[in-house]
C-alpha cells in the first residue's frame, strides 16, 4: 500500500508546475493533499478512472483546504473532527477495511504566535480524535503538521527556538501525540538522518542550500510498525514550498 502526502500550497498553481507528472509517476494507492486553496468548481482534475476524489474546502476563498485521491473505495468518509462544518477544510478521514487514513493541515500559530492558544487546543482535540479512531482500527495520519519536532528536524534549531512551528509548546504536543500510541514513520526508519526537510521558505537560495524544516509527516499507529517498508521524502520534486512524502506499507 503506497500513500503520498503533499502540501501543494495552491493546487491550481502546482498543476501548472508539474503536479500531474509526479502524481502519475508515483502511482500511489492513496494521495493526500493539504492547502489546496480552492473552492468547489475551480478545478477539474482528470486523474483517470482508477481514482475517487474527496475534497474538503475552506469557507474562506483561497485558504487552507484538503483533498484525497484514492484507488481503494473507502467504507466511509468524514470531514473534520466534529459535526461543526469544518470551516477551514483541514481534515478528511477515509475508512478502509484494515485502517483509517487521515489527511490533516494543522493550523499555524502565526508569526506573532497570536493563534498559539487555538493551535494548542486544536492539538488536544486532534489527539483525542485519532485515539478514538485507533480504538477501532489502526490509523495512518498524514499531512502538514506545522511543527518541527526535534532539533534534527530543522536546519537552524537554536535561532528558531520559540518561533512559530518550533515553540516548546507545539513540540510538546507532538511528543504527547506520539506517546499516545503513534510512530513518526520517517524518524523510526531514519533516526539519525539530518538535513531531511519537507519545507523551505521562499527567501532566495534557501531551498538550494537546503535550509529547511521537516514539518510534513506520516504518523502510524504503533501496531503498524511491522508493516512499515519505506518512508521517504521526495525533496527533488518542486511545484510547492513543500515537497511530497511517501509511505509504503505491507498489505
Protein backbone atom coordinates (compact mmCIF):
# COMPACT_ATOMS: atom_id res chain seq x y z
CA UNK A 1 0.00 0.00 0.00
CA UNK A 2 1.62 3.22 -1.16
CA UNK A 3 0.50 6.57 0.23
CA UNK A 4 1.66 10.08 -0.66
CA UNK A 5 1.11 13.34 1.20
CA UNK A 6 1.87 16.78 -0.21
CA UNK A 7 1.11 20.33 0.87
CA UNK A 8 0.74 21.82 -2.61
CA UNK A 9 0.38 25.45 -1.45
CA UNK A 10 -2.31 26.10 -4.03
CA UNK A 11 -3.26 23.18 -6.26
CA UNK A 12 -4.02 25.24 -9.34
CA UNK A 13 -0.53 26.73 -9.29
CA UNK A 14 1.02 23.34 -8.54
CA UNK A 15 -0.76 21.75 -11.51
CA UNK A 16 0.97 24.32 -13.70
CA UNK A 17 4.32 23.26 -12.21
CA UNK A 18 4.20 19.54 -12.94
CA UNK A 19 1.84 18.13 -10.30
CA UNK A 20 0.20 15.65 -12.66
CA UNK A 21 3.54 14.32 -13.90
CA UNK A 22 4.53 13.44 -10.35
CA UNK A 23 1.06 12.15 -9.50
CA UNK A 24 1.09 9.64 -12.34
CA UNK A 25 4.74 8.69 -11.88
CA UNK A 26 4.41 7.89 -8.18
CA UNK A 27 1.22 5.84 -8.77
CA UNK A 28 0.01 5.94 -5.16
CA UNK A 29 -2.92 3.96 -3.83
CA UNK A 30 -3.89 6.97 -1.71
CA UNK A 31 -2.70 10.51 -2.46
CA UNK A 32 -3.39 13.19 0.17
CA UNK A 33 -3.20 16.96 -0.34
CA UNK A 34 -3.14 19.91 2.01
CA UNK A 35 -3.53 23.63 1.35
CA UNK A 36 -5.42 23.18 -1.91
CA UNK A 37 -6.58 26.83 -1.71
CA UNK A 38 -9.65 26.49 -3.90
CA UNK A 39 -13.40 26.15 -3.87
CA UNK A 40 -15.68 23.61 -5.50
CA UNK A 41 -15.77 24.05 -9.27
CA UNK A 42 -12.47 25.93 -9.50
CA UNK A 43 -10.54 22.96 -10.87
CA UNK A 44 -11.30 19.85 -12.90
CA UNK A 45 -8.67 17.15 -12.40
CA UNK A 46 -8.70 14.22 -14.79
CA UNK A 47 -6.87 11.59 -12.75
CA UNK A 48 -8.23 8.67 -14.74
CA UNK A 49 -10.91 6.13 -13.86
CA UNK A 50 -8.86 4.46 -11.11
CA UNK A 51 -9.19 7.30 -8.60
CA UNK A 52 -12.06 8.56 -6.50
CA UNK A 53 -11.73 12.18 -5.35
CA UNK A 54 -12.73 13.63 -1.98
CA UNK A 55 -12.45 17.35 -1.18
CA UNK A 56 -12.82 19.46 1.95
CA UNK A 57 -12.97 23.15 1.03
CA UNK A 58 -12.42 26.04 3.41
CA UNK A 59 -15.21 28.59 3.61
CA UNK A 60 -12.63 31.35 3.13
CA UNK A 61 -11.63 31.64 -0.51
CA UNK A 62 -8.04 30.82 -1.44
CA UNK A 63 -7.31 29.38 2.01
CA UNK A 64 -6.44 26.01 3.52
CA UNK A 65 -8.38 23.01 2.14
CA UNK A 66 -7.58 19.30 1.82
CA UNK A 67 -8.21 16.51 -0.67
CA UNK A 68 -7.71 12.75 -1.01
CA UNK A 69 -7.48 10.77 -4.24
CA UNK A 70 -7.80 7.01 -3.73
CA UNK A 71 -7.79 3.87 -5.84
CA UNK A 72 -9.37 1.95 -2.97
CA UNK A 73 -13.06 2.72 -2.40
CA UNK A 74 -13.48 3.78 1.25
CA UNK A 75 -16.12 2.31 3.52
CA UNK A 76 -16.86 5.79 4.83
CA UNK A 77 -15.64 9.39 4.57
CA UNK A 78 -15.69 12.05 7.25
CA UNK A 79 -14.86 15.75 7.03
CA UNK A 80 -13.48 17.42 10.14
CA UNK A 81 -13.27 16.09 13.68
CA UNK A 82 -16.73 17.05 14.83
CA UNK A 83 -20.04 17.89 13.23
CA UNK A 84 -19.15 21.58 13.20
CA UNK A 85 -18.99 22.24 9.46
CA UNK A 86 -15.16 22.19 9.43
CA UNK A 87 -14.96 25.82 8.24
CA UNK A 88 -11.24 25.69 7.40
CA UNK A 89 -11.35 22.38 5.50
CA UNK A 90 -8.44 20.91 7.43
CA UNK A 91 -9.25 17.19 7.83
CA UNK A 92 -10.56 14.29 5.76
CA UNK A 93 -10.82 10.76 7.17
CA UNK A 94 -11.24 7.73 4.93
CA UNK A 95 -12.14 4.40 6.49
CA UNK A 96 -10.83 1.28 4.78
CA UNK A 97 -11.16 -2.37 5.74
CA UNK A 98 -7.88 -2.51 7.64
CA UNK A 99 -7.23 1.10 8.70
CA UNK A 100 -8.22 4.74 8.75
CA UNK A 101 -6.34 7.28 6.64
CA UNK A 102 -6.49 10.86 7.90
CA UNK A 103 -5.12 13.82 5.97
CA UNK A 104 -4.63 16.95 8.04
CA UNK A 105 -3.46 20.53 7.65
CA UNK A 106 -2.68 21.66 11.19
CA UNK A 107 -3.36 25.34 11.99
CA UNK A 108 -0.34 27.63 12.00
CA UNK A 109 0.32 29.52 15.24
CA UNK A 110 1.18 32.61 13.13
CA UNK A 111 4.44 34.51 13.22
CA UNK A 112 3.38 36.60 16.22
CA UNK A 113 2.03 33.45 17.96
CA UNK A 114 -1.40 35.06 18.19
CA UNK A 115 -3.01 31.77 17.22
CA UNK A 116 -0.91 29.59 19.52
CA UNK A 117 -3.64 29.13 22.18
CA UNK A 118 -6.09 27.97 19.49
CA UNK A 119 -3.41 25.74 17.99
CA UNK A 120 -2.73 24.01 21.31
CA UNK A 121 -6.42 23.45 21.98
CA UNK A 122 -6.81 22.09 18.44
CA UNK A 123 -3.91 19.67 19.06
CA UNK A 124 -5.68 18.23 22.10
CA UNK A 125 -8.85 17.66 20.12
CA UNK A 126 -6.93 16.12 17.23
CA UNK A 127 -5.09 13.71 19.53
CA UNK A 128 -8.39 12.65 21.10
CA UNK A 129 -9.89 12.19 17.64
CA UNK A 130 -7.04 9.93 16.47
CA UNK A 131 -7.25 7.89 19.67
CA UNK A 132 -10.98 7.46 19.12
CA UNK A 133 -10.30 6.09 15.63
CA UNK A 134 -7.39 3.97 16.85
CA UNK A 135 -9.66 2.21 19.31
CA UNK A 136 -11.47 0.68 16.32
CA UNK A 137 -8.67 0.04 13.82
CA UNK A 138 -5.13 1.31 13.07
CA UNK A 139 -4.64 4.87 11.88
CA UNK A 140 -2.39 6.45 9.25
CA UNK A 141 -2.38 10.22 9.78
CA UNK A 142 -0.50 12.36 7.31
CA UNK A 143 -0.02 15.93 6.31
CA UNK A 144 1.45 19.28 7.20
CA UNK A 145 1.57 19.26 11.00
CA UNK A 146 3.25 22.68 11.10
CA UNK A 147 5.87 21.67 13.65
CA UNK A 148 9.48 20.54 13.54
CA UNK A 149 9.51 18.04 16.37
CA UNK A 150 13.21 17.72 17.24
CA UNK A 151 16.29 19.81 16.61
CA UNK A 152 17.35 17.31 13.92
CA UNK A 153 14.18 18.27 12.03
CA UNK A 154 15.19 21.89 11.44
CA UNK A 155 18.31 23.45 9.99
CA UNK A 156 18.86 26.29 12.46
CA UNK A 157 17.38 25.00 15.69
CA UNK A 158 18.93 27.47 18.11
CA UNK A 159 17.94 30.60 16.22
CA UNK A 160 14.42 29.30 15.54
CA UNK A 161 13.55 28.14 19.03
CA UNK A 162 10.36 29.88 20.12
CA UNK A 163 9.32 30.74 16.57
CA UNK A 164 6.01 29.54 15.16
CA UNK A 165 6.37 25.85 14.33
CA UNK A 166 9.26 25.39 16.76
CA UNK A 167 7.87 26.58 20.08
CA UNK A 168 8.32 24.32 23.07
CA UNK A 169 4.54 24.14 23.38
CA UNK A 170 3.98 22.88 19.82
CA UNK A 171 6.84 20.41 20.05
CA UNK A 172 5.49 19.08 23.34
CA UNK A 173 2.09 18.50 21.75
CA UNK A 174 3.77 16.36 19.08
CA UNK A 175 5.55 14.40 21.81
CA UNK A 176 2.23 13.84 23.57
CA UNK A 177 0.68 12.58 20.34
CA UNK A 178 3.49 10.11 19.71
CA UNK A 179 3.46 8.97 23.34
CA UNK A 180 -0.27 8.25 22.99
CA UNK A 181 0.47 5.37 20.62
CA UNK A 182 1.73 6.71 17.29
CA UNK A 183 5.01 6.49 15.39
CA UNK A 184 6.75 9.07 13.22
CA UNK A 185 7.40 6.69 10.33
CA UNK A 186 10.30 8.58 8.75
CA UNK A 187 12.17 9.07 12.01
CA UNK A 188 11.50 5.45 13.02
CA UNK A 189 13.32 4.22 9.93
CA UNK A 190 15.91 7.02 9.82
CA UNK A 191 16.59 8.01 13.44
CA UNK A 192 19.85 9.82 12.73
CA UNK A 193 19.27 11.27 9.27
CA UNK A 194 19.90 15.00 9.34
CA UNK A 195 19.23 17.57 6.62
CA UNK A 196 15.98 15.79 5.71
CA UNK A 197 13.39 18.52 5.26
CA UNK A 198 9.96 18.92 3.67
CA UNK A 199 9.50 22.72 3.69
CA UNK A 200 11.69 25.67 2.75
CA UNK A 201 10.94 29.38 2.90
CA UNK A 202 10.67 31.36 -0.31
CA UNK A 203 13.69 33.50 0.52
CA UNK A 204 16.39 33.43 -2.19
CA UNK A 205 18.63 30.33 -2.33
CA UNK A 206 17.10 28.79 0.81
CA UNK A 207 15.93 25.63 -0.91
CA UNK A 208 19.07 25.33 -2.99
CA UNK A 209 21.11 25.44 0.22
CA UNK A 210 18.65 23.06 1.94
CA UNK A 211 17.87 25.38 4.83
CA UNK A 212 14.61 23.70 5.71
CA UNK A 213 12.19 22.25 8.23
CA UNK A 214 10.64 18.76 8.41
CA UNK A 215 7.02 19.57 9.19
CA UNK A 216 5.20 17.01 6.99
CA UNK A 217 4.68 13.57 8.48
CA UNK A 218 3.20 10.13 8.16
CA UNK A 219 2.20 9.07 11.67
CA UNK A 220 1.08 5.46 12.08
CA UNK A 221 -0.45 3.52 14.93
CA UNK A 222 2.33 1.69 16.72
CA UNK A 223 0.89 -1.69 15.77
CA UNK A 224 1.54 -0.90 12.09
CA UNK A 225 5.29 -0.69 12.61
CA UNK A 226 5.86 -4.28 11.48
CA UNK A 227 4.23 -3.41 8.14
CA UNK A 228 6.47 -0.39 7.52
CA UNK A 229 8.51 -0.89 4.34
CA UNK A 230 9.64 2.63 3.49
CA UNK A 231 9.12 6.26 4.44
CA UNK A 232 10.83 8.77 2.21
CA UNK A 233 10.97 12.45 1.36
CA UNK A 234 10.86 13.37 -2.35
CA UNK A 235 12.77 16.61 -1.85
CA UNK A 236 13.70 16.80 -5.54
CA UNK A 237 10.07 17.40 -6.52
CA UNK A 238 9.29 21.08 -7.00
CA UNK A 239 5.98 22.87 -7.50
CA UNK A 240 5.36 23.96 -3.91
CA UNK A 241 7.32 25.27 -0.94
CA UNK A 242 6.74 21.79 0.50
CA UNK A 243 7.78 18.53 -1.14
CA UNK A 244 5.87 15.23 -1.21
CA UNK A 245 6.43 12.47 1.32
CA UNK A 246 5.82 8.78 0.63
CA UNK A 247 4.86 5.83 2.83
CA UNK A 248 4.98 2.16 1.81
CA UNK A 249 3.23 -0.41 3.98
CA UNK A 250 2.95 -4.15 3.50
CA UNK A 251 -0.59 -5.34 2.88
